[in-house]
Amino acid sequence: MKIKPEMTLITGASSGIGFHLAHEFARHGHPLVLVAPQQEELNILASNLHTTYGIVTHAIAADLEQADSAQTLFDKTCGLNLEIGILANNAGHGFHGKFWELPIEKDLSIIRLNIEAVLRLTKLYLPPMISRGRGRVLNTASVAGFEPGPMLNVYHASKAFVLSWSEALAAELKDTGVKVTALCPGPTDTDFFPKANMEGVRGFQQGNLMAPQEVARAAYEGLENEELFVVPGFMNKALVAARRILSESAQASLNAKFYEELPPDQWKRKRGDIESEAAMRS
């Protein structure tokens, strides 16, 4: 079943997976509401998407860590008479380090963006979808949500919440016409790594990183097929399957190795290398 080109709201749209989700939805003819903190970045993206794909675009800057930002965003879209048919809760971030050494403000920042903002936006945009008898919610979770992550523990826990909540919400929405999909990418070449101060970790330098374009394509296909969980890439699927046979301590040990800092002379990658290679191939 093809997704109708309904208006799609994408958070975290100015970079990484969100940026490529915007291109993927635009390529399929969806009008877009693009959300991220910086208005200028959104304006440039909105203009490019309109020029390239001929779609209607709206750019609304919002700091979703602020408790009132979801309501403000909802009010703005209602004021513009925008009927949101697809909500893509994509914005998120994490911070690398030992729990007791990181400021509590960073932990709370993760919870506010990765969990609270997702709940607030869905709480607002879901009832109109239910009333119309159609709609879709795409939540960007992570393979991190399936397993414990030393040195990135609150981030992993936040994505575990998104996974569990998405699964339960999908069950509650049975027979309403509204579908939920949880996107669970593995390590991806996005700004997540530099922003989390993780460009030097083993997972980024030596891991099986995916290009964000590939993740976005898998997300759209999964949404189209009404899949509850979308895990892009064979290696990531194998990683998720392995949790069935590995103990939690073994999973934690593997992730601790993944997040281990490498000496600078072993750094081979820079942010954007894989994303650029994928762009050249397309």
C-alpha atoms as a PDB file:
ATOM      1  CA  MET A   1       0.000   0.000   0.000  1.00  0.00           C
ATOM      2  CA  LYS A   2       1.451   3.337  -1.034  1.00  0.00           C
ATOM      3  CA  ILE A   3       1.518   6.121   1.530  1.00  0.00           C
ATOM      4  CA  LYS A   4      -0.729   8.969   0.511  1.00  0.00           C
ATOM      5  CA  PRO A   5       1.321  12.166   0.151  1.00  0.00           C
ATOM      6  CA  GLU A   6      -0.023  13.595   3.406  1.00  0.00           C
ATOM      7  CA  MET A   7       1.628  16.505   5.146  1.00  0.00           C
ATOM      8  CA  THR A   8       4.563  15.260   7.208  1.00  0.00           C
ATOM      9  CA  LEU A   9       6.096  16.996  10.214  1.00  0.00           C
ATOM     10  CA  ILE A  10       9.755  16.079  10.790  1.00  0.00           C
ATOM     11  CA  THR A  11      11.675  17.108  13.896  1.00  0.00           C
ATOM     12  CA  GLY A  12      15.454  17.352  13.795  1.00  0.00           C
ATOM     13  CA  ALA A  13      15.085  18.065  10.085  1.00  0.00           C
ATOM     14  CA  SER A  14      18.146  20.242   9.535  1.00  0.00           C
ATOM     15  CA  SER A  15      20.810  17.515   9.655  1.00  0.00           C
ATOM     16  CA  GLY A  16      21.545  13.802   9.750  1.00  0.00           C
ATOM     17  CA  ILE A  17      18.725  11.290   9.444  1.00  0.00           C
ATOM     18  CA  GLY A  18      16.093  14.038   9.714  1.00  0.00           C
ATOM     19  CA  PHE A  19      17.605  15.944   6.795  1.00  0.00           C
ATOM     20  CA  HIS A  20      17.443  12.853   4.615  1.00  0.00           C
ATOM     21  CA  LEU A  21      13.977  11.929   5.850  1.00  0.00           C
ATOM     22  CA  ALA A  22      12.910  15.338   4.587  1.00  0.00           C
ATOM     23  CA  HIS A  23      14.398  14.583   1.155  1.00  0.00           C
ATOM     24  CA  GLU A  24      12.870  11.102   1.094  1.00  0.00           C
ATOM     25  CA  PHE A  25       9.356  12.298   1.950  1.00  0.00           C
ATOM     26  CA  ALA A  26       9.711  15.223  -0.465  1.00  0.00           C
ATOM     27  CA  ARG A  27      10.791  12.839  -3.222  1.00  0.00           C
ATOM     28  CA  HIS A  28       7.506  10.985  -2.710  1.00  0.00           C
ATOM     29  CA  GLY A  29       5.492  14.183  -2.960  1.00  0.00           C
ATOM     30  CA  HIS A  30       4.743  14.916   0.683  1.00  0.00           C
ATOM     31  CA  PRO A  31       4.270  18.529   1.753  1.00  0.00           C
ATOM     32  CA  LEU A  32       6.478  19.125   4.781  1.00  0.00           C
ATOM     33  CA  VAL A  33       6.699  20.923   8.078  1.00  0.00           C
ATOM     34  CA  LEU A  34      10.382  21.098   8.971  1.00  0.00           C
ATOM     35  CA  VAL A  35      11.329  21.572  12.618  1.00  0.00           C
ATOM     36  CA  ALA A  36      14.740  22.241  14.182  1.00  0.00           C
ATOM     37  CA  PRO A  37      16.243  24.914  16.454  1.00  0.00           C
ATOM     38  CA  GLN A  38      17.758  27.228  13.808  1.00  0.00           C
ATOM     39  CA  GLN A  39      15.344  29.114  11.535  1.00  0.00           C
ATOM     40  CA  GLU A  40      17.971  30.040   8.936  1.00  0.00           C
ATOM     41  CA  GLU A  41      19.031  26.421   8.395  1.00  0.00           C
ATOM     42  CA  LEU A  42      15.396  25.393   8.017  1.00  0.00           C
ATOM     43  CA  ASN A  43      14.685  28.175   5.540  1.00  0.00           C
ATOM     44  CA  ILE A  44      17.535  27.023   3.305  1.00  0.00           C
ATOM     45  CA  LEU A  45      16.380  23.397   3.467  1.00  0.00           C
ATOM     46  CA  ALA A  46      12.742  24.331   2.823  1.00  0.00           C
ATOM     47  CA  SER A  47      13.711  26.404  -0.205  1.00  0.00           C
ATOM     48  CA  ASN A  48      15.889  23.641  -1.644  1.00  0.00           C
ATOM     49  CA  LEU A  49      13.196  21.006  -1.202  1.00  0.00           C
ATOM     50  CA  HIS A  50      10.569  23.224  -2.789  1.00  0.00           C
ATOM     51  CA  THR A  51      12.840  23.960  -5.753  1.00  0.00           C
ATOM     52  CA  THR A  52      13.958  20.354  -6.226  1.00  0.00           C
ATOM     53  CA  TYR A  53      10.679  18.512  -5.701  1.00  0.00           C
ATOM     54  CA  GLY A  54       8.012  21.180  -6.160  1.00  0.00           C
ATOM     55  CA  ILE A  55       6.404  20.489  -2.793  1.00  0.00           C
ATOM     56  CA  VAL A  56       4.926  22.863  -0.228  1.00  0.00           C
ATOM     57  CA  THR A  57       7.279  23.408   2.704  1.00  0.00           C
ATOM     58  CA  HIS A  58       6.922  25.127   6.056  1.00  0.00           C
ATOM     59  CA  ALA A  59       9.920  25.873   8.288  1.00  0.00           C
ATOM     60  CA  ILE A  60       9.231  26.349  11.992  1.00  0.00           C
ATOM     61  CA  ALA A  61      12.115  26.781  14.424  1.00  0.00           C
ATOM     62  CA  ALA A  62      11.583  25.196  17.845  1.00  0.00           C
ATOM     63  CA  ASP A  63      13.760  24.175  20.772  1.00  0.00           C
ATOM     64  CA  LEU A  64      11.974  20.980  21.704  1.00  0.00           C
ATOM     65  CA  GLU A  65      13.808  20.696  25.013  1.00  0.00           C
ATOM     66  CA  GLN A  66      11.576  23.500  26.264  1.00  0.00           C
ATOM     67  CA  ALA A  67       8.396  22.138  27.840  1.00  0.00           C
ATOM     68  CA  ASP A  68       6.094  24.599  26.060  1.00  0.00           C
ATOM     69  CA  SER A  69       7.643  24.221  22.604  1.00  0.00           C
ATOM     70  CA  ALA A  70       5.453  21.289  21.526  1.00  0.00           C
ATOM     71  CA  GLN A  71       2.260  23.203  22.295  1.00  0.00           C
ATOM     72  CA  THR A  72       3.621  26.300  20.539  1.00  0.00           C
ATOM     73  CA  LEU A  73       4.480  24.233  17.470  1.00  0.00           C
ATOM     74  CA  PHE A  74       1.043  22.596  17.467  1.00  0.00           C
ATOM     75  CA  ASP A  75      -0.651  25.976  17.764  1.00  0.00           C
ATOM     76  CA  LYS A  76       1.378  27.332  14.841  1.00  0.00           C
ATOM     77  CA  THR A  77       0.476  24.441  12.552  1.00  0.00           C
ATOM     78  CA  CYS A  78      -3.177  24.730  13.556  1.00  0.00           C
ATOM     79  CA  GLY A  79      -3.027  28.470  12.899  1.00  0.00           C
ATOM     80  CA  LEU A  80      -1.759  27.719   9.396  1.00  0.00           C
ATOM     81  CA  ASN A  81      -4.562  25.150   8.914  1.00  0.00           C
ATOM     82  CA  LEU A  82      -1.996  22.390   8.387  1.00  0.00           C
ATOM     83  CA  GLU A  83      -3.369  18.881   8.737  1.00  0.00           C
ATOM     84  CA  ILE A  84      -0.488  16.695   9.882  1.00  0.00           C
ATOM     85  CA  GLY A  85      -0.957  13.202   8.510  1.00  0.00           C
ATOM     86  CA  ILE A  86       2.481  11.863   9.448  1.00  0.00           C
ATOM     87  CA  LEU A  87       4.443  12.801  12.558  1.00  0.00           C
ATOM     88  CA  ALA A  88       8.154  11.935  12.429  1.00  0.00           C
ATOM     89  CA  ASN A  89       9.615  12.231  15.923  1.00  0.00           C
ATOM     90  CA  ASN A  90      13.253  12.243  14.893  1.00  0.00           C
ATOM     91  CA  ALA A  91      15.075  14.840  17.019  1.00  0.00           C
ATOM     92  CA  GLY A  92      17.397  13.391  19.636  1.00  0.00           C
ATOM     93  CA  HIS A  93      20.896  13.430  21.066  1.00  0.00           C
ATOM     94  CA  GLY A  94      23.237  11.779  23.566  1.00  0.00           C
ATOM     95  CA  PHE A  95      26.348  12.484  25.617  1.00  0.00           C
ATOM     96  CA  HIS A  96      29.353  10.211  26.047  1.00  0.00           C
ATOM     97  CA  GLY A  97      30.931   9.604  29.439  1.00  0.00           C
ATOM     98  CA  LYS A  98      30.643   7.931  32.814  1.00  0.00           C
ATOM     99  CA  PHE A  99      27.307   8.609  34.465  1.00  0.00           C
ATOM    100  CA  TRP A 100      28.765  10.061  37.655  1.00  0.00           C
ATOM    101  CA  GLU A 101      31.098  12.392  35.745  1.00  0.00           C
ATOM    102  CA  LEU A 102      28.532  13.971  33.424  1.00  0.00           C
ATOM    103  CA  PRO A 103      26.487  16.909  34.729  1.00  0.00           C
ATOM    104  CA  ILE A 104      22.895  16.008  35.542  1.00  0.00           C
ATOM    105  CA  GLU A 105      21.836  18.760  33.102  1.00  0.00           C
ATOM    106  CA  LYS A 106      23.114  16.622  30.210  1.00  0.00           C
ATOM    107  CA  ASP A 107      21.145  13.592  31.371  1.00  0.00           C
ATOM    108  CA  LEU A 108      17.998  15.667  31.715  1.00  0.00           C
ATOM    109  CA  SER A 109      18.621  17.202  28.293  1.00  0.00           C
ATOM    110  CA  ILE A 110      18.531  13.717  26.763  1.00  0.00           C
ATOM    111  CA  ILE A 111      15.310  12.872  28.583  1.00  0.00           C
ATOM    112  CA  ARG A 112      13.644  16.135  27.568  1.00  0.00           C
ATOM    113  CA  LEU A 113      14.480  15.794  23.873  1.00  0.00           C
ATOM    114  CA  ASN A 114      14.460  12.024  23.354  1.00  0.00           C
ATOM    115  CA  ILE A 115      11.445  11.243  25.537  1.00  0.00           C
ATOM    116  CA  GLU A 116       9.466  14.233  26.777  1.00  0.00           C
ATOM    117  CA  ALA A 117       9.318  16.062  23.439  1.00  0.00           C
ATOM    118  CA  VAL A 118       8.240  12.850  21.684  1.00  0.00           C
ATOM    119  CA  LEU A 119       5.447  12.310  24.192  1.00  0.00           C
ATOM    120  CA  ARG A 120       4.243  15.914  24.055  1.00  0.00           C
ATOM    121  CA  LEU A 121       4.163  16.087  20.263  1.00  0.00           C
ATOM    122  CA  THR A 122       2.426  12.743  19.894  1.00  0.00           C
ATOM    123  CA  LYS A 123      -0.093  13.657  22.598  1.00  0.00           C
ATOM    124  CA  LEU A 124      -1.034  16.724  20.542  1.00  0.00           C
ATOM    125  CA  TYR A 125      -0.975  15.405  16.979  1.00  0.00           C
ATOM    126  CA  LEU A 126      -2.392  11.921  17.591  1.00  0.00           C
ATOM    127  CA  PRO A 127      -6.027  12.774  18.541  1.00  0.00           C
ATOM    128  CA  PRO A 128      -6.745  14.550  15.220  1.00  0.00           C
ATOM    129  CA  MET A 129      -5.354  11.514  13.375  1.00  0.00           C
ATOM    130  CA  ILE A 130      -7.628   9.210  15.344  1.00  0.00           C
ATOM    131  CA  SER A 131     -10.611  11.467  14.623  1.00  0.00           C
ATOM    132  CA  ARG A 132      -9.846  11.287  10.887  1.00  0.00           C
ATOM    133  CA  GLY A 133      -9.339   7.541  11.046  1.00  0.00           C
ATOM    134  CA  ARG A 134      -5.886   7.671   9.466  1.00  0.00           C
ATOM    135  CA  GLY A 135      -2.351   8.761  10.236  1.00  0.00           C
ATOM    136  CA  ARG A 136       1.142   7.551  10.953  1.00  0.00           C
ATOM    137  CA  VAL A 137       3.723   8.124  13.651  1.00  0.00           C
ATOM    138  CA  LEU A 138       7.389   7.466  12.928  1.00  0.00           C
ATOM    139  CA  ASN A 139       9.596   7.397  16.019  1.00  0.00           C
ATOM    140  CA  THR A 140      13.363   7.381  15.579  1.00  0.00           C
ATOM    141  CA  ALA A 141      14.570   4.914  18.197  1.00  0.00           C
ATOM    142  CA  SER A 142      17.839   2.993  17.825  1.00  0.00           C
ATOM    143  CA  VAL A 143      19.385  -0.448  18.085  1.00  0.00           C
ATOM    144  CA  ALA A 144      20.763   1.101  21.291  1.00  0.00           C
ATOM    145  CA  GLY A 145      17.283   0.682  22.737  1.00  0.00           C
ATOM    146  CA  PHE A 146      17.625  -3.099  22.638  1.00  0.00           C
ATOM    147  CA  GLU A 147      20.675  -3.310  24.914  1.00  0.00           C
ATOM    148  CA  PRO A 148      22.590  -1.570  27.731  1.00  0.00           C
ATOM    149  CA  GLY A 149      25.211   0.988  26.737  1.00  0.00           C
ATOM    150  CA  PRO A 150      28.011   1.807  29.171  1.00  0.00           C
ATOM    151  CA  MET A 151      29.388   5.335  28.573  1.00  0.00           C
ATOM    152  CA  LEU A 152      26.139   6.214  26.798  1.00  0.00           C
ATOM    153  CA  ASN A 153      23.752   4.818  29.374  1.00  0.00           C
ATOM    154  CA  VAL A 154      21.016   7.471  29.507  1.00  0.00           C
ATOM    155  CA  TYR A 155      20.858   7.617  25.705  1.00  0.00           C
ATOM    156  CA  HIS A 156      20.400   3.833  25.489  1.00  0.00           C
ATOM    157  CA  ALA A 157      17.743   3.981  28.199  1.00  0.00           C
ATOM    158  CA  SER A 158      15.894   6.771  26.396  1.00  0.00           C
ATOM    159  CA  LYS A 159      15.756   4.729  23.206  1.00  0.00           C
ATOM    160  CA  ALA A 160      14.570   1.674  25.152  1.00  0.00           C
ATOM    161  CA  PHE A 161      11.690   3.837  26.346  1.00  0.00           C
ATOM    162  CA  VAL A 162      10.848   4.889  22.787  1.00  0.00           C
ATOM    163  CA  LEU A 163      10.863   1.260  21.634  1.00  0.00           C
ATOM    164  CA  SER A 164       8.653  -0.039  24.437  1.00  0.00           C
ATOM    165  CA  TRP A 165       6.274   2.900  24.230  1.00  0.00           C
ATOM    166  CA  SER A 166       5.974   2.636  20.434  1.00  0.00           C
ATOM    167  CA  GLU A 167       5.090  -1.042  20.667  1.00  0.00           C
ATOM    168  CA  ALA A 168       2.437  -0.436  23.328  1.00  0.00           C
ATOM    169  CA  LEU A 169       1.028   2.581  21.496  1.00  0.00           C
ATOM    170  CA  ALA A 170       0.716   0.568  18.298  1.00  0.00           C
ATOM    171  CA  ALA A 171      -1.346  -2.013  20.173  1.00  0.00           C
ATOM    172  CA  GLU A 172      -3.604   0.676  21.636  1.00  0.00           C
ATOM    173  CA  LEU A 173      -4.139   2.142  18.167  1.00  0.00           C
ATOM    174  CA  LYS A 174      -5.278  -1.134  16.615  1.00  0.00           C
ATOM    175  CA  ASP A 175      -8.353  -0.589  14.438  1.00  0.00           C
ATOM    176  CA  THR A 176      -8.074   3.229  14.609  1.00  0.00           C
ATOM    177  CA  GLY A 177      -6.421   3.590  11.198  1.00  0.00           C
ATOM    178  CA  VAL A 178      -3.318   5.118  12.783  1.00  0.00           C
ATOM    179  CA  LYS A 179      -0.058   3.163  12.528  1.00  0.00           C
ATOM    180  CA  VAL A 180       3.195   3.433  14.482  1.00  0.00           C
ATOM    181  CA  THR A 181       6.679   2.624  13.213  1.00  0.00           C
ATOM    182  CA  ALA A 182       9.847   2.633  15.320  1.00  0.00           C
ATOM    183  CA  LEU A 183      12.975   3.281  13.263  1.00  0.00           C
ATOM    184  CA  CYS A 184      15.966   1.525  14.853  1.00  0.00           C
ATOM    185  CA  PRO A 185      19.170   2.499  13.055  1.00  0.00           C
ATOM    186  CA  GLY A 186      22.585   1.383  14.170  1.00  0.00           C
ATOM    187  CA  PRO A 187      25.654   3.628  14.034  1.00  0.00           C
ATOM    188  CA  THR A 188      25.044   6.223  11.325  1.00  0.00           C
ATOM    189  CA  ASP A 189      27.285   8.933   9.874  1.00  0.00           C
ATOM    190  CA  THR A 190      25.524  11.955  11.376  1.00  0.00           C
ATOM    191  CA  ASP A 191      26.281  14.877  13.681  1.00  0.00           C
ATOM    192  CA  PHE A 192      25.369  12.654  16.635  1.00  0.00           C
ATOM    193  CA  PHE A 193      28.980  11.542  17.012  1.00  0.00           C
ATOM    194  CA  PRO A 194      30.729  14.940  17.014  1.00  0.00           C
ATOM    195  CA  LYS A 195      28.008  16.508  19.167  1.00  0.00           C
ATOM    196  CA  ALA A 196      28.388  13.677  21.671  1.00  0.00           C
ATOM    197  CA  ASN A 197      32.199  14.051  21.559  1.00  0.00           C
ATOM    198  CA  MET A 198      32.471  10.560  20.077  1.00  0.00           C
ATOM    199  CA  GLU A 199      34.372  10.957  16.810  1.00  0.00           C
ATOM    200  CA  GLY A 200      37.283   9.072  18.324  1.00  0.00           C
ATOM    201  CA  VAL A 201      35.389   6.036  19.619  1.00  0.00           C
ATOM    202  CA  ARG A 202      35.943   2.609  18.117  1.00  0.00           C
ATOM    203  CA  GLY A 203      32.376   2.388  16.856  1.00  0.00           C
ATOM    204  CA  PHE A 204      32.697   5.500  14.742  1.00  0.00           C
ATOM    205  CA  GLN A 205      36.222   4.869  13.497  1.00  0.00           C
ATOM    206  CA  GLN A 206      35.997   1.130  12.866  1.00  0.00           C
ATOM    207  CA  GLY A 207      32.306   0.237  13.083  1.00  0.00           C
ATOM    208  CA  ASN A 208      29.877  -0.596  10.308  1.00  0.00           C
ATOM    209  CA  LEU A 209      28.469   2.915   9.891  1.00  0.00           C
ATOM    210  CA  MET A 210      25.525   3.439   7.575  1.00  0.00           C
ATOM    211  CA  ALA A 211      24.856   6.499   5.467  1.00  0.00           C
ATOM    212  CA  PRO A 212      21.872   8.533   6.684  1.00  0.00           C
ATOM    213  CA  GLN A 213      20.385   8.408   3.177  1.00  0.00           C
ATOM    214  CA  GLU A 214      20.127   4.621   3.454  1.00  0.00           C
ATOM    215  CA  VAL A 215      18.488   4.861   6.864  1.00  0.00           C
ATOM    216  CA  ALA A 216      15.943   7.378   5.573  1.00  0.00           C
ATOM    217  CA  ARG A 217      15.028   5.162   2.621  1.00  0.00           C
ATOM    218  CA  ALA A 218      14.558   2.169   4.911  1.00  0.00           C
ATOM    219  CA  ALA A 219      12.399   4.286   7.212  1.00  0.00           C
ATOM    220  CA  TYR A 220      10.083   5.344   4.419  1.00  0.00           C
ATOM    221  CA  GLU A 221       9.766   1.809   3.073  1.00  0.00           C
ATOM    222  CA  GLY A 222       9.018   0.495   6.556  1.00  0.00           C
ATOM    223  CA  LEU A 223       6.403   3.161   7.109  1.00  0.00           C
ATOM    224  CA  GLU A 224       4.854   2.338   3.750  1.00  0.00           C
ATOM    225  CA  ASN A 225       4.704  -1.344   4.674  1.00  0.00           C
ATOM    226  CA  GLU A 226       3.252  -0.516   8.116  1.00  0.00           C
ATOM    227  CA  GLU A 227       6.125  -2.238   9.900  1.00  0.00           C
ATOM    228  CA  LEU A 228       6.304  -1.769  13.653  1.00  0.00           C
ATOM    229  CA  PHE A 229      10.108  -2.017  13.819  1.00  0.00           C
ATOM    230  CA  VAL A 230      12.531  -1.015  11.065  1.00  0.00           C
ATOM    231  CA  VAL A 231      16.153  -2.054  11.576  1.00  0.00           C
ATOM    232  CA  PRO A 232      18.176  -0.894   8.539  1.00  0.00           C
ATOM    233  CA  GLY A 233      21.195  -2.927   7.460  1.00  0.00           C
ATOM    234  CA  PHE A 234      22.114  -6.601   7.767  1.00  0.00           C
ATOM    235  CA  MET A 235      24.707  -6.075  10.511  1.00  0.00           C
ATOM    236  CA  ASN A 236      22.244  -4.139  12.639  1.00  0.00           C
ATOM    237  CA  LYS A 237      19.624  -6.855  12.204  1.00  0.00           C
ATOM    238  CA  ALA A 238      22.220  -9.402  13.313  1.00  0.00           C
ATOM    239  CA  LEU A 239      23.097  -7.243  16.317  1.00  0.00           C
ATOM    240  CA  VAL A 240      19.473  -7.106  17.422  1.00  0.00           C
ATOM    241  CA  ALA A 241      19.044 -10.842  16.878  1.00  0.00           C
ATOM    242  CA  ALA A 242      22.176 -11.567  18.932  1.00  0.00           C
ATOM    243  CA  ARG A 243      20.603 -10.102  22.047  1.00  0.00           C
ATOM    244  CA  ARG A 244      18.434 -13.210  22.228  1.00  0.00           C
ATOM    245  CA  ILE A 245      21.467 -15.376  22.925  1.00  0.00           C
ATOM    246  CA  LEU A 246      23.844 -12.947  24.647  1.00  0.00           C
ATOM    247  CA  SER A 247      23.520 -12.125  28.313  1.00  0.00           C
ATOM    248  CA  GLU A 248      23.002  -8.506  29.310  1.00  0.00           C
ATOM    249  CA  SER A 249      26.519  -8.386  30.742  1.00  0.00           C
ATOM    250  CA  ALA A 250      27.926  -9.634  27.437  1.00  0.00           C
ATOM    251  CA  GLN A 251      25.930  -7.000  25.543  1.00  0.00           C
ATOM    252  CA  ALA A 252      27.182  -4.315  27.915  1.00  0.00           C
ATOM    253  CA  SER A 253      30.781  -5.468  27.444  1.00  0.00           C
ATOM    254  CA  LEU A 254      30.456  -5.328  23.658  1.00  0.00           C
ATOM    255  CA  ASN A 255      29.053  -1.809  23.797  1.00  0.00           C
ATOM    256  CA  ALA A 256      31.726  -0.692  26.242  1.00  0.00           C
ATOM    257  CA  LYS A 257      34.271  -1.801  23.638  1.00  0.00           C
ATOM    258  CA  PHE A 258      32.297  -0.030  20.920  1.00  0.00           C
ATOM    259  CA  TYR A 259      32.390   3.264  22.863  1.00  0.00           C
ATOM    260  CA  GLU A 260      36.061   2.963  23.792  1.00  0.00           C
ATOM    261  CA  GLU A 261      38.264   5.913  22.809  1.00  0.00           C
ATOM    262  CA  LEU A 262      40.978   5.169  20.249  1.00  0.00           C
ATOM    263  CA  PRO A 263      44.305   7.023  20.090  1.00  0.00           C
ATOM    264  CA  PRO A 264      44.296   9.799  17.450  1.00  0.00           C
ATOM    265  CA  ASP A 265      46.745   7.931  15.210  1.00  0.00           C
ATOM    266  CA  GLN A 266      44.044   5.292  14.659  1.00  0.00           C
ATOM    267  CA  TRP A 267      41.439   7.780  13.520  1.00  0.00           C
ATOM    268  CA  LYS A 268      40.634   7.084   9.859  1.00  0.00           C
ATOM    269  CA  ARG A 269      37.195   8.613   9.437  1.00  0.00           C
ATOM    270  CA  LYS A 270      35.720  12.051   9.630  1.00  0.00           C
ATOM    271  CA  ARG A 271      32.098  12.962  10.030  1.00  0.00           C
ATOM    272  CA  GLY A 272      30.496  13.057   6.586  1.00  0.00           C
ATOM    273  CA  ASP A 273      32.813  10.612   4.812  1.00  0.00           C
ATOM    274  CA  ILE A 274      30.219   7.863   4.448  1.00  0.00           C
ATOM    275  CA  GLU A 275      27.368  10.291   3.830  1.00  0.00           C
ATOM    276  CA  SER A 276      29.384  11.892   0.996  1.00  0.00           C
ATOM    277  CA  GLU A 277      30.257   8.513  -0.534  1.00  0.00           C
ATOM    278  CA  ALA A 278      26.590   7.554  -0.578  1.00  0.00           C
ATOM    279  CA  ALA A 279      25.685  10.875  -2.214  1.00  0.00           C
ATOM    280  CA  MET A 280      28.248  10.247  -4.971  1.00  0.00           C
ATOM    281  CA  ARG A 281      26.791   6.799  -5.644  1.00  0.00           C
ATOM    282  CA  SER A 282      23.236   8.060  -5.996  1.00  0.00           C
END
